[in-house]
């Protein structure tokens, strides 16, 4: 059985904008977290593309990646992920080619096929809805060809990406169902699963990926990253209290609302209905709130269950200093067990 100290860990940051805070505060906190994560031994620092959400500051994901890479020294920085249907593949090749040219050997490109938004926002991003997730394999093929014209994939004749062409920007496929798992397996690419909000599909997707994997020039065997939601604190009681900010955020998503990240509350009772509570807790099967001891026990079980090659940790917390402490405690658990 794998030991936790043998499994690399990374950060997934949404640059949360908290109630009473600004996007500028959030982006400053993101860089501060990245610098600490680098010191604590995290491998990667990924940022997610979401739009039309007043509580998330990472919508211009490539720009924020550059901000973080410029303010750190060695940690890999990337996207978790870029929602490719929102963009022309050429634009993403140029953006990430530029990032790789500025910060060589440190840039990751994680790709998703969801819009990362509602339909109205997707229409505003794309100037129409002619592009859907169904074109994702074709878009991915085009994007890969911009980086490696002699490799797999195809691009429009006479069009090349500068910067981009010839650069090694590792591409990951991200998913919350079996589609990207199967595509990553077919292409021999690393795969990251969003189990922190789609837990029911985790094990089936990993099975599809591993059993269907075809070795490639990128990978000779499957490589899985599993996403976890973790709220850690010095006491289990404090962790459960801090986790109510994330629970309120999930509850708003269930209700079709958006807003800034709210302060924690003493209890969620009276805020959610019994049905909402059951749905939310089901969605958070791979979200952990606890002290170091309880974290260790749960993480060891998840490591055995998933055989993950890496974990990526998302922590939506209202207080920045508490969020730093959470990531510090997680790093200690992995480092010493």
C-alpha atoms as a PDB file:
ATOM      1  CA  UNK A   1       0.000   0.000   0.000  1.00  0.00           C
ATOM      2  CA  UNK A   2       1.212   3.494  -0.869  1.00  0.00           C
ATOM      3  CA  UNK A   3       2.275   5.768   1.935  1.00  0.00           C
ATOM      4  CA  UNK A   4       1.054   9.335   1.874  1.00  0.00           C
ATOM      5  CA  UNK A   5       4.613  10.671   1.792  1.00  0.00           C
ATOM      6  CA  UNK A   6       5.070   8.932  -1.573  1.00  0.00           C
ATOM      7  CA  UNK A   7       2.120  10.753  -3.188  1.00  0.00           C
ATOM      8  CA  UNK A   8       2.734  14.279  -4.548  1.00  0.00           C
ATOM      9  CA  UNK A   9       0.174  16.914  -3.609  1.00  0.00           C
ATOM     10  CA  UNK A  10      -0.915  20.065  -5.410  1.00  0.00           C
ATOM     11  CA  UNK A  11      -3.210  23.052  -4.911  1.00  0.00           C
ATOM     12  CA  UNK A  12      -6.378  23.847  -6.862  1.00  0.00           C
ATOM     13  CA  UNK A  13      -7.224  27.492  -6.230  1.00  0.00           C
ATOM     14  CA  UNK A  14     -10.371  29.311  -7.368  1.00  0.00           C
ATOM     15  CA  UNK A  15      -9.115  32.677  -6.081  1.00  0.00           C
ATOM     16  CA  UNK A  16     -12.215  33.020  -3.881  1.00  0.00           C
ATOM     17  CA  UNK A  17     -13.634  36.489  -3.442  1.00  0.00           C
ATOM     18  CA  UNK A  18     -15.053  36.627   0.073  1.00  0.00           C
ATOM     19  CA  UNK A  19     -17.962  38.691   1.344  1.00  0.00           C
ATOM     20  CA  UNK A  20     -16.544  42.125   2.113  1.00  0.00           C
ATOM     21  CA  UNK A  21     -13.468  41.508  -0.052  1.00  0.00           C
ATOM     22  CA  UNK A  22     -12.411  42.445  -3.594  1.00  0.00           C
ATOM     23  CA  UNK A  23     -10.905  40.656  -6.564  1.00  0.00           C
ATOM     24  CA  UNK A  24      -7.648  42.470  -5.831  1.00  0.00           C
ATOM     25  CA  UNK A  25      -7.617  41.004  -2.310  1.00  0.00           C
ATOM     26  CA  UNK A  26      -8.340  37.571  -3.733  1.00  0.00           C
ATOM     27  CA  UNK A  27      -5.542  37.679  -6.299  1.00  0.00           C
ATOM     28  CA  UNK A  28      -3.062  38.888  -3.682  1.00  0.00           C
ATOM     29  CA  UNK A  29      -4.129  35.998  -1.455  1.00  0.00           C
ATOM     30  CA  UNK A  30      -3.719  33.565  -4.342  1.00  0.00           C
ATOM     31  CA  UNK A  31      -0.095  34.602  -4.810  1.00  0.00           C
ATOM     32  CA  UNK A  32       0.533  34.461  -1.068  1.00  0.00           C
ATOM     33  CA  UNK A  33      -0.905  30.937  -0.927  1.00  0.00           C
ATOM     34  CA  UNK A  34       1.221  29.858  -3.894  1.00  0.00           C
ATOM     35  CA  UNK A  35       4.396  31.104  -2.221  1.00  0.00           C
ATOM     36  CA  UNK A  36       3.568  29.204   0.954  1.00  0.00           C
ATOM     37  CA  UNK A  37       2.594  26.091  -1.001  1.00  0.00           C
ATOM     38  CA  UNK A  38       5.960  26.194  -2.742  1.00  0.00           C
ATOM     39  CA  UNK A  39       7.737  26.314   0.614  1.00  0.00           C
ATOM     40  CA  UNK A  40       5.579  23.479   1.982  1.00  0.00           C
ATOM     41  CA  UNK A  41       6.469  21.139  -0.882  1.00  0.00           C
ATOM     42  CA  UNK A  42       3.375  21.209  -3.075  1.00  0.00           C
ATOM     43  CA  UNK A  43       4.151  20.147  -6.658  1.00  0.00           C
ATOM     44  CA  UNK A  44       1.662  22.213  -8.638  1.00  0.00           C
ATOM     45  CA  UNK A  45      -0.535  25.264  -8.214  1.00  0.00           C
ATOM     46  CA  UNK A  46      -3.497  25.165 -10.573  1.00  0.00           C
ATOM     47  CA  UNK A  47      -6.175  27.774 -11.211  1.00  0.00           C
ATOM     48  CA  UNK A  48      -9.662  27.189 -12.567  1.00  0.00           C
ATOM     49  CA  UNK A  49     -11.631  28.982 -15.275  1.00  0.00           C
ATOM     50  CA  UNK A  50     -15.107  30.073 -14.189  1.00  0.00           C
ATOM     51  CA  UNK A  51     -17.191  32.958 -15.501  1.00  0.00           C
ATOM     52  CA  UNK A  52     -20.091  35.114 -14.349  1.00  0.00           C
ATOM     53  CA  UNK A  53     -19.391  34.168 -10.730  1.00  0.00           C
ATOM     54  CA  UNK A  54     -18.896  37.088  -8.323  1.00  0.00           C
ATOM     55  CA  UNK A  55     -17.087  34.827  -5.837  1.00  0.00           C
ATOM     56  CA  UNK A  56     -14.288  33.678  -8.169  1.00  0.00           C
ATOM     57  CA  UNK A  57     -11.430  35.903  -9.419  1.00  0.00           C
ATOM     58  CA  UNK A  58      -9.640  33.456 -11.744  1.00  0.00           C
ATOM     59  CA  UNK A  59     -11.793  33.966 -14.848  1.00  0.00           C
ATOM     60  CA  UNK A  60      -8.822  35.293 -16.879  1.00  0.00           C
ATOM     61  CA  UNK A  61      -6.979  32.113 -15.991  1.00  0.00           C
ATOM     62  CA  UNK A  62      -3.901  32.529 -18.175  1.00  0.00           C
ATOM     63  CA  UNK A  63      -3.300  36.013 -16.748  1.00  0.00           C
ATOM     64  CA  UNK A  64      -3.518  34.739 -13.165  1.00  0.00           C
ATOM     65  CA  UNK A  65      -1.160  31.850 -13.989  1.00  0.00           C
ATOM     66  CA  UNK A  66       1.389  34.403 -15.155  1.00  0.00           C
ATOM     67  CA  UNK A  67       0.873  36.426 -11.969  1.00  0.00           C
ATOM     68  CA  UNK A  68       1.521  33.354  -9.816  1.00  0.00           C
ATOM     69  CA  UNK A  69       4.460  32.069 -11.852  1.00  0.00           C
ATOM     70  CA  UNK A  70       6.114  35.495 -11.712  1.00  0.00           C
ATOM     71  CA  UNK A  71       5.846  35.573  -7.931  1.00  0.00           C
ATOM     72  CA  UNK A  72       7.155  32.051  -7.260  1.00  0.00           C
ATOM     73  CA  UNK A  73      10.395  30.235  -7.990  1.00  0.00           C
ATOM     74  CA  UNK A  74       9.952  26.556  -8.730  1.00  0.00           C
ATOM     75  CA  UNK A  75       6.391  25.286  -8.200  1.00  0.00           C
ATOM     76  CA  UNK A  76       4.615  24.238 -11.406  1.00  0.00           C
ATOM     77  CA  UNK A  77       1.736  26.569 -12.262  1.00  0.00           C
ATOM     78  CA  UNK A  78      -1.142  25.734 -14.541  1.00  0.00           C
ATOM     79  CA  UNK A  79      -4.821  25.450 -15.270  1.00  0.00           C
ATOM     80  CA  UNK A  80      -7.278  23.163 -13.579  1.00  0.00           C
ATOM     81  CA  UNK A  81      -8.595  23.873 -16.048  1.00  0.00           C
ATOM     82  CA  UNK A  82      -8.972  25.883 -19.181  1.00  0.00           C
ATOM     83  CA  UNK A  83     -12.427  25.182 -20.635  1.00  0.00           C
ATOM     84  CA  UNK A  84     -11.371  24.617 -24.228  1.00  0.00           C
ATOM     85  CA  UNK A  85     -14.819  25.044 -25.851  1.00  0.00           C
ATOM     86  CA  UNK A  86     -14.692  28.691 -24.739  1.00  0.00           C
ATOM     87  CA  UNK A  87     -11.568  29.417 -26.772  1.00  0.00           C
ATOM     88  CA  UNK A  88      -9.955  29.046 -30.159  1.00  0.00           C
ATOM     89  CA  UNK A  89      -7.183  26.412 -29.815  1.00  0.00           C
ATOM     90  CA  UNK A  90      -4.731  28.820 -31.469  1.00  0.00           C
ATOM     91  CA  UNK A  91      -5.303  31.394 -28.717  1.00  0.00           C
ATOM     92  CA  UNK A  92      -4.653  28.842 -25.965  1.00  0.00           C
ATOM     93  CA  UNK A  93      -1.524  27.582 -27.748  1.00  0.00           C
ATOM     94  CA  UNK A  94      -0.204  31.141 -27.956  1.00  0.00           C
ATOM     95  CA  UNK A  95      -1.097  31.980 -24.359  1.00  0.00           C
ATOM     96  CA  UNK A  96       0.478  28.870 -22.890  1.00  0.00           C
ATOM     97  CA  UNK A  97       3.387  29.069 -25.314  1.00  0.00           C
ATOM     98  CA  UNK A  98       4.005  32.558 -23.981  1.00  0.00           C
ATOM     99  CA  UNK A  99       3.762  31.358 -20.384  1.00  0.00           C
ATOM    100  CA  UNK A 100       6.161  28.468 -21.066  1.00  0.00           C
ATOM    101  CA  UNK A 101       8.592  30.894 -22.750  1.00  0.00           C
ATOM    102  CA  UNK A 102       8.501  33.178 -19.719  1.00  0.00           C
ATOM    103  CA  UNK A 103       8.626  30.397 -17.085  1.00  0.00           C
ATOM    104  CA  UNK A 104      10.260  27.397 -18.815  1.00  0.00           C
ATOM    105  CA  UNK A 105       9.611  23.966 -17.375  1.00  0.00           C
ATOM    106  CA  UNK A 106       6.943  25.193 -14.953  1.00  0.00           C
ATOM    107  CA  UNK A 107       3.671  25.445 -16.915  1.00  0.00           C
ATOM    108  CA  UNK A 108       0.861  22.850 -17.033  1.00  0.00           C
ATOM    109  CA  UNK A 109      -2.184  22.971 -19.299  1.00  0.00           C
ATOM    110  CA  UNK A 110      -5.176  21.172 -17.819  1.00  0.00           C
ATOM    111  CA  UNK A 111      -8.179  21.124 -20.141  1.00  0.00           C
ATOM    112  CA  UNK A 112     -11.881  20.612 -19.568  1.00  0.00           C
ATOM    113  CA  UNK A 113     -14.800  20.433 -21.964  1.00  0.00           C
ATOM    114  CA  UNK A 114     -17.484  22.018 -19.770  1.00  0.00           C
ATOM    115  CA  UNK A 115     -18.293  25.727 -20.289  1.00  0.00           C
ATOM    116  CA  UNK A 116     -17.440  26.696 -16.705  1.00  0.00           C
ATOM    117  CA  UNK A 117     -20.509  28.909 -16.780  1.00  0.00           C
ATOM    118  CA  UNK A 118     -24.199  29.073 -17.642  1.00  0.00           C
ATOM    119  CA  UNK A 119     -25.563  29.053 -21.195  1.00  0.00           C
ATOM    120  CA  UNK A 120     -25.939  32.842 -21.400  1.00  0.00           C
ATOM    121  CA  UNK A 121     -22.316  33.310 -20.340  1.00  0.00           C
ATOM    122  CA  UNK A 122     -21.157  30.605 -22.743  1.00  0.00           C
ATOM    123  CA  UNK A 123     -22.954  32.477 -25.539  1.00  0.00           C
ATOM    124  CA  UNK A 124     -21.239  35.719 -24.537  1.00  0.00           C
ATOM    125  CA  UNK A 125     -17.833  34.023 -24.481  1.00  0.00           C
ATOM    126  CA  UNK A 126     -18.248  32.277 -27.824  1.00  0.00           C
ATOM    127  CA  UNK A 127     -20.506  34.794 -29.626  1.00  0.00           C
ATOM    128  CA  UNK A 128     -22.961  31.963 -30.113  1.00  0.00           C
ATOM    129  CA  UNK A 129     -23.414  28.332 -29.137  1.00  0.00           C
ATOM    130  CA  UNK A 130     -22.113  26.689 -32.298  1.00  0.00           C
ATOM    131  CA  UNK A 131     -19.292  25.148 -30.247  1.00  0.00           C
ATOM    132  CA  UNK A 132     -20.198  22.601 -27.608  1.00  0.00           C
ATOM    133  CA  UNK A 133     -18.358  19.968 -25.633  1.00  0.00           C
ATOM    134  CA  UNK A 134     -18.995  17.548 -28.499  1.00  0.00           C
ATOM    135  CA  UNK A 135     -16.236  19.211 -30.523  1.00  0.00           C
ATOM    136  CA  UNK A 136     -13.726  18.821 -27.712  1.00  0.00           C
ATOM    137  CA  UNK A 137     -11.709  15.944 -29.270  1.00  0.00           C
ATOM    138  CA  UNK A 138     -11.311  17.915 -32.506  1.00  0.00           C
ATOM    139  CA  UNK A 139     -10.328  21.080 -30.630  1.00  0.00           C
ATOM    140  CA  UNK A 140      -7.832  19.108 -28.551  1.00  0.00           C
ATOM    141  CA  UNK A 141      -6.317  17.602 -31.692  1.00  0.00           C
ATOM    142  CA  UNK A 142      -5.896  21.080 -33.170  1.00  0.00           C
ATOM    143  CA  UNK A 143      -4.361  22.464 -29.973  1.00  0.00           C
ATOM    144  CA  UNK A 144      -1.854  19.610 -29.711  1.00  0.00           C
ATOM    145  CA  UNK A 145      -0.855  20.104 -33.344  1.00  0.00           C
ATOM    146  CA  UNK A 146      -0.057  23.762 -32.712  1.00  0.00           C
ATOM    147  CA  UNK A 147       2.509  22.668 -30.107  1.00  0.00           C
ATOM    148  CA  UNK A 148       3.785  19.684 -32.108  1.00  0.00           C
ATOM    149  CA  UNK A 149       3.061  19.921 -35.856  1.00  0.00           C
ATOM    150  CA  UNK A 150       4.802  16.587 -36.519  1.00  0.00           C
ATOM    151  CA  UNK A 151       2.892  14.715 -33.802  1.00  0.00           C
ATOM    152  CA  UNK A 152      -0.695  13.597 -33.467  1.00  0.00           C
ATOM    153  CA  UNK A 153      -3.404  16.055 -34.400  1.00  0.00           C
ATOM    154  CA  UNK A 154      -4.168  18.454 -37.207  1.00  0.00           C
ATOM    155  CA  UNK A 155      -4.331  22.219 -37.526  1.00  0.00           C
ATOM    156  CA  UNK A 156      -5.501  24.622 -40.240  1.00  0.00           C
ATOM    157  CA  UNK A 157      -3.078  24.752 -43.165  1.00  0.00           C
ATOM    158  CA  UNK A 158      -0.728  27.693 -43.015  1.00  0.00           C
ATOM    159  CA  UNK A 159      -1.493  28.536 -39.372  1.00  0.00           C
ATOM    160  CA  UNK A 160       1.193  28.169 -36.696  1.00  0.00           C
ATOM    161  CA  UNK A 161       1.400  29.213 -33.049  1.00  0.00           C
ATOM    162  CA  UNK A 162       4.232  31.518 -32.004  1.00  0.00           C
ATOM    163  CA  UNK A 163       5.149  31.278 -29.164  1.00  0.00           C
ATOM    164  CA  UNK A 164       3.960  27.714 -28.767  1.00  0.00           C
ATOM    165  CA  UNK A 165       5.265  25.572 -31.569  1.00  0.00           C
ATOM    166  CA  UNK A 166       7.981  23.193 -30.420  1.00  0.00           C
ATOM    167  CA  UNK A 167       7.478  23.903 -26.722  1.00  0.00           C
ATOM    168  CA  UNK A 168       6.787  21.176 -24.173  1.00  0.00           C
ATOM    169  CA  UNK A 169       3.630  22.220 -22.337  1.00  0.00           C
ATOM    170  CA  UNK A 170       2.229  19.117 -20.589  1.00  0.00           C
ATOM    171  CA  UNK A 171      -1.462  18.640 -21.375  1.00  0.00           C
ATOM    172  CA  UNK A 172      -3.799  17.046 -18.833  1.00  0.00           C
ATOM    173  CA  UNK A 173      -7.412  16.101 -19.431  1.00  0.00           C
ATOM    174  CA  UNK A 174      -9.775  16.945 -16.589  1.00  0.00           C
ATOM    175  CA  UNK A 175     -13.148  15.394 -16.012  1.00  0.00           C
ATOM    176  CA  UNK A 176     -16.088  14.631 -13.769  1.00  0.00           C
ATOM    177  CA  UNK A 177     -17.465  11.738 -15.859  1.00  0.00           C
ATOM    178  CA  UNK A 178     -16.225   8.991 -18.149  1.00  0.00           C
ATOM    179  CA  UNK A 179     -15.861  11.025 -21.361  1.00  0.00           C
ATOM    180  CA  UNK A 180     -12.500  12.661 -20.655  1.00  0.00           C
ATOM    181  CA  UNK A 181     -11.287   9.504 -18.897  1.00  0.00           C
ATOM    182  CA  UNK A 182     -11.771   7.499 -22.091  1.00  0.00           C
ATOM    183  CA  UNK A 183     -10.276  10.225 -24.275  1.00  0.00           C
ATOM    184  CA  UNK A 184      -7.220  10.600 -22.010  1.00  0.00           C
ATOM    185  CA  UNK A 185      -6.756   6.823 -22.108  1.00  0.00           C
ATOM    186  CA  UNK A 186      -7.027   6.708 -25.883  1.00  0.00           C
ATOM    187  CA  UNK A 187      -4.465   9.506 -26.318  1.00  0.00           C
ATOM    188  CA  UNK A 188      -2.114   8.382 -23.531  1.00  0.00           C
ATOM    189  CA  UNK A 189      -2.448  11.619 -21.554  1.00  0.00           C
ATOM    190  CA  UNK A 190      -2.521  12.176 -17.774  1.00  0.00           C
ATOM    191  CA  UNK A 191      -5.986  12.420 -16.268  1.00  0.00           C
ATOM    192  CA  UNK A 192      -7.330  14.450 -13.336  1.00  0.00           C
ATOM    193  CA  UNK A 193     -10.749  13.750 -11.832  1.00  0.00           C
ATOM    194  CA  UNK A 194     -12.884  16.295  -9.971  1.00  0.00           C
ATOM    195  CA  UNK A 195     -14.026  13.991  -7.185  1.00  0.00           C
ATOM    196  CA  UNK A 196     -14.453  16.963  -4.848  1.00  0.00           C
ATOM    197  CA  UNK A 197     -17.779  17.663  -6.595  1.00  0.00           C
ATOM    198  CA  UNK A 198     -18.541  14.500  -8.646  1.00  0.00           C
ATOM    199  CA  UNK A 199     -17.730  11.654  -6.248  1.00  0.00           C
ATOM    200  CA  UNK A 200     -20.084   9.036  -7.668  1.00  0.00           C
ATOM    201  CA  UNK A 201     -18.220   8.844 -10.967  1.00  0.00           C
ATOM    202  CA  UNK A 202     -14.682   8.739  -9.561  1.00  0.00           C
ATOM    203  CA  UNK A 203     -14.019   4.993  -9.416  1.00  0.00           C
ATOM    204  CA  UNK A 204     -15.832   4.147 -12.684  1.00  0.00           C
ATOM    205  CA  UNK A 205     -13.890   6.896 -14.486  1.00  0.00           C
ATOM    206  CA  UNK A 206     -10.563   5.699 -13.100  1.00  0.00           C
ATOM    207  CA  UNK A 207     -11.420   2.153 -14.199  1.00  0.00           C
ATOM    208  CA  UNK A 208     -12.223   3.362 -17.728  1.00  0.00           C
ATOM    209  CA  UNK A 209      -8.986   5.314 -17.880  1.00  0.00           C
ATOM    210  CA  UNK A 210      -6.714   2.585 -16.592  1.00  0.00           C
ATOM    211  CA  UNK A 211      -8.213  -0.296 -18.538  1.00  0.00           C
ATOM    212  CA  UNK A 212      -8.344   1.652 -21.793  1.00  0.00           C
ATOM    213  CA  UNK A 213      -4.953   3.350 -21.514  1.00  0.00           C
ATOM    214  CA  UNK A 214      -2.697   3.276 -24.580  1.00  0.00           C
ATOM    215  CA  UNK A 215       0.975   4.202 -24.050  1.00  0.00           C
ATOM    216  CA  UNK A 216       2.084   7.309 -25.916  1.00  0.00           C
ATOM    217  CA  UNK A 217       5.105   9.534 -26.398  1.00  0.00           C
ATOM    218  CA  UNK A 218       3.810  11.428 -23.347  1.00  0.00           C
ATOM    219  CA  UNK A 219       3.175   8.538 -20.936  1.00  0.00           C
ATOM    220  CA  UNK A 220       4.072   4.851 -20.872  1.00  0.00           C
ATOM    221  CA  UNK A 221       1.494   4.054 -18.166  1.00  0.00           C
ATOM    222  CA  UNK A 222      -1.639   5.688 -16.693  1.00  0.00           C
ATOM    223  CA  UNK A 223      -1.189   8.690 -14.418  1.00  0.00           C
ATOM    224  CA  UNK A 224      -4.107   9.794 -12.233  1.00  0.00           C
ATOM    225  CA  UNK A 225      -4.607  12.932 -10.171  1.00  0.00           C
ATOM    226  CA  UNK A 226      -7.562  12.914  -7.765  1.00  0.00           C
ATOM    227  CA  UNK A 227      -9.178  16.132  -6.569  1.00  0.00           C
ATOM    228  CA  UNK A 228     -10.123  16.440  -2.910  1.00  0.00           C
ATOM    229  CA  UNK A 229     -11.855  19.152  -0.914  1.00  0.00           C
ATOM    230  CA  UNK A 230     -10.056  19.549   2.398  1.00  0.00           C
ATOM    231  CA  UNK A 231     -10.648  21.875   5.337  1.00  0.00           C
ATOM    232  CA  UNK A 232      -8.000  21.229   7.974  1.00  0.00           C
ATOM    233  CA  UNK A 233      -7.563  22.925  11.341  1.00  0.00           C
ATOM    234  CA  UNK A 234      -5.869  22.304  14.662  1.00  0.00           C
ATOM    235  CA  UNK A 235      -9.090  20.836  16.054  1.00  0.00           C
ATOM    236  CA  UNK A 236     -11.831  18.854  14.338  1.00  0.00           C
ATOM    237  CA  UNK A 237     -14.439  21.227  15.745  1.00  0.00           C
ATOM    238  CA  UNK A 238     -12.701  24.255  14.221  1.00  0.00           C
ATOM    239  CA  UNK A 239     -12.373  22.480  10.869  1.00  0.00           C
ATOM    240  CA  UNK A 240     -16.077  21.655  10.768  1.00  0.00           C
ATOM    241  CA  UNK A 241     -16.860  25.295  11.568  1.00  0.00           C
ATOM    242  CA  UNK A 242     -14.578  26.613   8.816  1.00  0.00           C
ATOM    243  CA  UNK A 243     -16.031  24.127   6.309  1.00  0.00           C
ATOM    244  CA  UNK A 244     -19.449  25.770   6.539  1.00  0.00           C
ATOM    245  CA  UNK A 245     -18.257  28.494   4.145  1.00  0.00           C
ATOM    246  CA  UNK A 246     -17.750  25.866   1.452  1.00  0.00           C
ATOM    247  CA  UNK A 247     -21.042  24.201   2.355  1.00  0.00           C
ATOM    248  CA  UNK A 248     -22.868  27.509   1.933  1.00  0.00           C
ATOM    249  CA  UNK A 249     -21.195  27.921  -1.448  1.00  0.00           C
ATOM    250  CA  UNK A 250     -22.296  24.435  -2.560  1.00  0.00           C
ATOM    251  CA  UNK A 251     -25.782  25.147  -1.283  1.00  0.00           C
ATOM    252  CA  UNK A 252     -26.011  28.301  -3.381  1.00  0.00           C
ATOM    253  CA  UNK A 253     -24.904  26.332  -6.451  1.00  0.00           C
ATOM    254  CA  UNK A 254     -27.624  23.756  -5.774  1.00  0.00           C
ATOM    255  CA  UNK A 255     -30.120  26.614  -5.539  1.00  0.00           C
ATOM    256  CA  UNK A 256     -28.865  28.175  -8.775  1.00  0.00           C
ATOM    257  CA  UNK A 257     -27.357  31.214  -7.113  1.00  0.00           C
ATOM    258  CA  UNK A 258     -23.944  32.808  -7.260  1.00  0.00           C
ATOM    259  CA  UNK A 259     -22.288  35.081  -4.743  1.00  0.00           C
ATOM    260  CA  UNK A 260     -19.186  35.776  -2.734  1.00  0.00           C
ATOM    261  CA  UNK A 261     -17.782  33.245  -0.282  1.00  0.00           C
ATOM    262  CA  UNK A 262     -19.592  33.700   3.041  1.00  0.00           C
ATOM    263  CA  UNK A 263     -18.185  33.680   6.591  1.00  0.00           C
ATOM    264  CA  UNK A 264     -18.518  30.382   8.473  1.00  0.00           C
ATOM    265  CA  UNK A 265     -21.522  29.788  10.690  1.00  0.00           C
ATOM    266  CA  UNK A 266     -21.947  27.831  13.903  1.00  0.00           C
ATOM    267  CA  UNK A 267     -24.442  25.459  12.289  1.00  0.00           C
ATOM    268  CA  UNK A 268     -25.976  24.824   8.866  1.00  0.00           C
ATOM    269  CA  UNK A 269     -29.228  23.698  10.473  1.00  0.00           C
ATOM    270  CA  UNK A 270     -31.965  26.127   9.522  1.00  0.00           C
ATOM    271  CA  UNK A 271     -29.969  27.185   6.437  1.00  0.00           C
ATOM    272  CA  UNK A 272     -30.411  24.003   4.379  1.00  0.00           C
ATOM    273  CA  UNK A 273     -33.434  21.767   4.083  1.00  0.00           C
ATOM    274  CA  UNK A 274     -33.128  18.044   4.869  1.00  0.00           C
ATOM    275  CA  UNK A 275     -33.190  17.300   1.143  1.00  0.00           C
ATOM    276  CA  UNK A 276     -30.502  19.878   0.403  1.00  0.00           C
ATOM    277  CA  UNK A 277     -28.370  18.566   3.263  1.00  0.00           C
ATOM    278  CA  UNK A 278     -28.560  15.007   1.933  1.00  0.00           C
ATOM    279  CA  UNK A 279     -27.711  16.113  -1.609  1.00  0.00           C
ATOM    280  CA  UNK A 280     -24.817  18.303  -0.482  1.00  0.00           C
ATOM    281  CA  UNK A 281     -23.283  15.693   1.805  1.00  0.00           C
ATOM    282  CA  UNK A 282     -23.550  13.128  -0.998  1.00  0.00           C
ATOM    283  CA  UNK A 283     -21.639  15.474  -3.302  1.00  0.00           C
ATOM    284  CA  UNK A 284     -18.951  15.924  -0.631  1.00  0.00           C
ATOM    285  CA  UNK A 285     -17.989  12.279  -0.185  1.00  0.00           C
ATOM    286  CA  UNK A 286     -14.407  13.241  -1.044  1.00  0.00           C
ATOM    287  CA  UNK A 287     -14.408  16.456   0.963  1.00  0.00           C
ATOM    288  CA  UNK A 288     -12.765  16.196   4.376  1.00  0.00           C
ATOM    289  CA  UNK A 289     -12.983  18.501   7.377  1.00  0.00           C
ATOM    290  CA  UNK A 290     -10.880  17.591  10.377  1.00  0.00           C
ATOM    291  CA  UNK A 291      -7.674  17.766  12.349  1.00  0.00           C
ATOM    292  CA  UNK A 292      -4.429  16.049  11.348  1.00  0.00           C
ATOM    293  CA  UNK A 293      -5.355  12.712  12.905  1.00  0.00           C
ATOM    294  CA  UNK A 294      -8.701  12.389  11.159  1.00  0.00           C
ATOM    295  CA  UNK A 295      -7.203  13.657   7.906  1.00  0.00           C
ATOM    296  CA  UNK A 296      -4.552  10.965   7.964  1.00  0.00           C
ATOM    297  CA  UNK A 297      -7.085   8.179   8.497  1.00  0.00           C
ATOM    298  CA  UNK A 298      -9.377   9.347   5.679  1.00  0.00           C
ATOM    299  CA  UNK A 299      -6.552  10.101   3.245  1.00  0.00           C
ATOM    300  CA  UNK A 300      -5.018   6.670   3.711  1.00  0.00           C
ATOM    301  CA  UNK A 301      -8.380   5.086   2.859  1.00  0.00           C
ATOM    302  CA  UNK A 302      -8.786   7.258  -0.245  1.00  0.00           C
ATOM    303  CA  UNK A 303      -5.222   6.504  -1.364  1.00  0.00           C
ATOM    304  CA  UNK A 304      -5.906   2.776  -1.088  1.00  0.00           C
ATOM    305  CA  UNK A 305      -9.301   3.076  -2.763  1.00  0.00           C
ATOM    306  CA  UNK A 306      -8.117   5.139  -5.751  1.00  0.00           C
ATOM    307  CA  UNK A 307      -4.413   4.229  -6.059  1.00  0.00           C
ATOM    308  CA  UNK A 308      -3.930   7.890  -7.026  1.00  0.00           C
ATOM    309  CA  UNK A 309      -0.574   9.005  -8.405  1.00  0.00           C
ATOM    310  CA  UNK A 310      -1.201  12.554  -7.171  1.00  0.00           C
ATOM    311  CA  UNK A 311      -3.769  14.469  -5.132  1.00  0.00           C
ATOM    312  CA  UNK A 312      -4.867  18.024  -5.803  1.00  0.00           C
ATOM    313  CA  UNK A 313      -6.442  19.889  -2.890  1.00  0.00           C
ATOM    314  CA  UNK A 314      -9.188  22.514  -3.070  1.00  0.00           C
ATOM    315  CA  UNK A 315      -9.919  24.516   0.097  1.00  0.00           C
ATOM    316  CA  UNK A 316     -12.602  27.192  -0.069  1.00  0.00           C
ATOM    317  CA  UNK A 317     -12.238  29.085   3.187  1.00  0.00           C
ATOM    318  CA  UNK A 318     -13.336  32.575   4.197  1.00  0.00           C
ATOM    319  CA  UNK A 319     -10.332  33.514   6.331  1.00  0.00           C
ATOM    320  CA  UNK A 320      -7.044  33.600   4.425  1.00  0.00           C
ATOM    321  CA  UNK A 321      -4.889  32.817   7.447  1.00  0.00           C
ATOM    322  CA  UNK A 322      -7.080  29.793   8.227  1.00  0.00           C
ATOM    323  CA  UNK A 323      -6.738  28.641   4.618  1.00  0.00           C
ATOM    324  CA  UNK A 324      -2.954  28.900   4.854  1.00  0.00           C
ATOM    325  CA  UNK A 325      -3.017  26.869   8.052  1.00  0.00           C
ATOM    326  CA  UNK A 326      -5.204  24.249   6.376  1.00  0.00           C
ATOM    327  CA  UNK A 327      -2.754  23.744   3.520  1.00  0.00           C
ATOM    328  CA  UNK A 328       0.150  23.698   5.958  1.00  0.00           C
ATOM    329  CA  UNK A 329      -1.492  20.933   8.015  1.00  0.00           C
ATOM    330  CA  UNK A 330      -2.245  18.908   4.876  1.00  0.00           C
ATOM    331  CA  UNK A 331       1.390  19.176   3.799  1.00  0.00           C
ATOM    332  CA  UNK A 332       2.519  17.983   7.245  1.00  0.00           C
ATOM    333  CA  UNK A 333       0.187  14.956   7.076  1.00  0.00           C
ATOM    334  CA  UNK A 334       1.554  13.921   3.689  1.00  0.00           C
ATOM    335  CA  UNK A 335       5.151  14.610   4.628  1.00  0.00           C
ATOM    336  CA  UNK A 336       5.138  12.547   7.824  1.00  0.00           C
ATOM    337  CA  UNK A 337       2.955   9.521   6.957  1.00  0.00           C
END
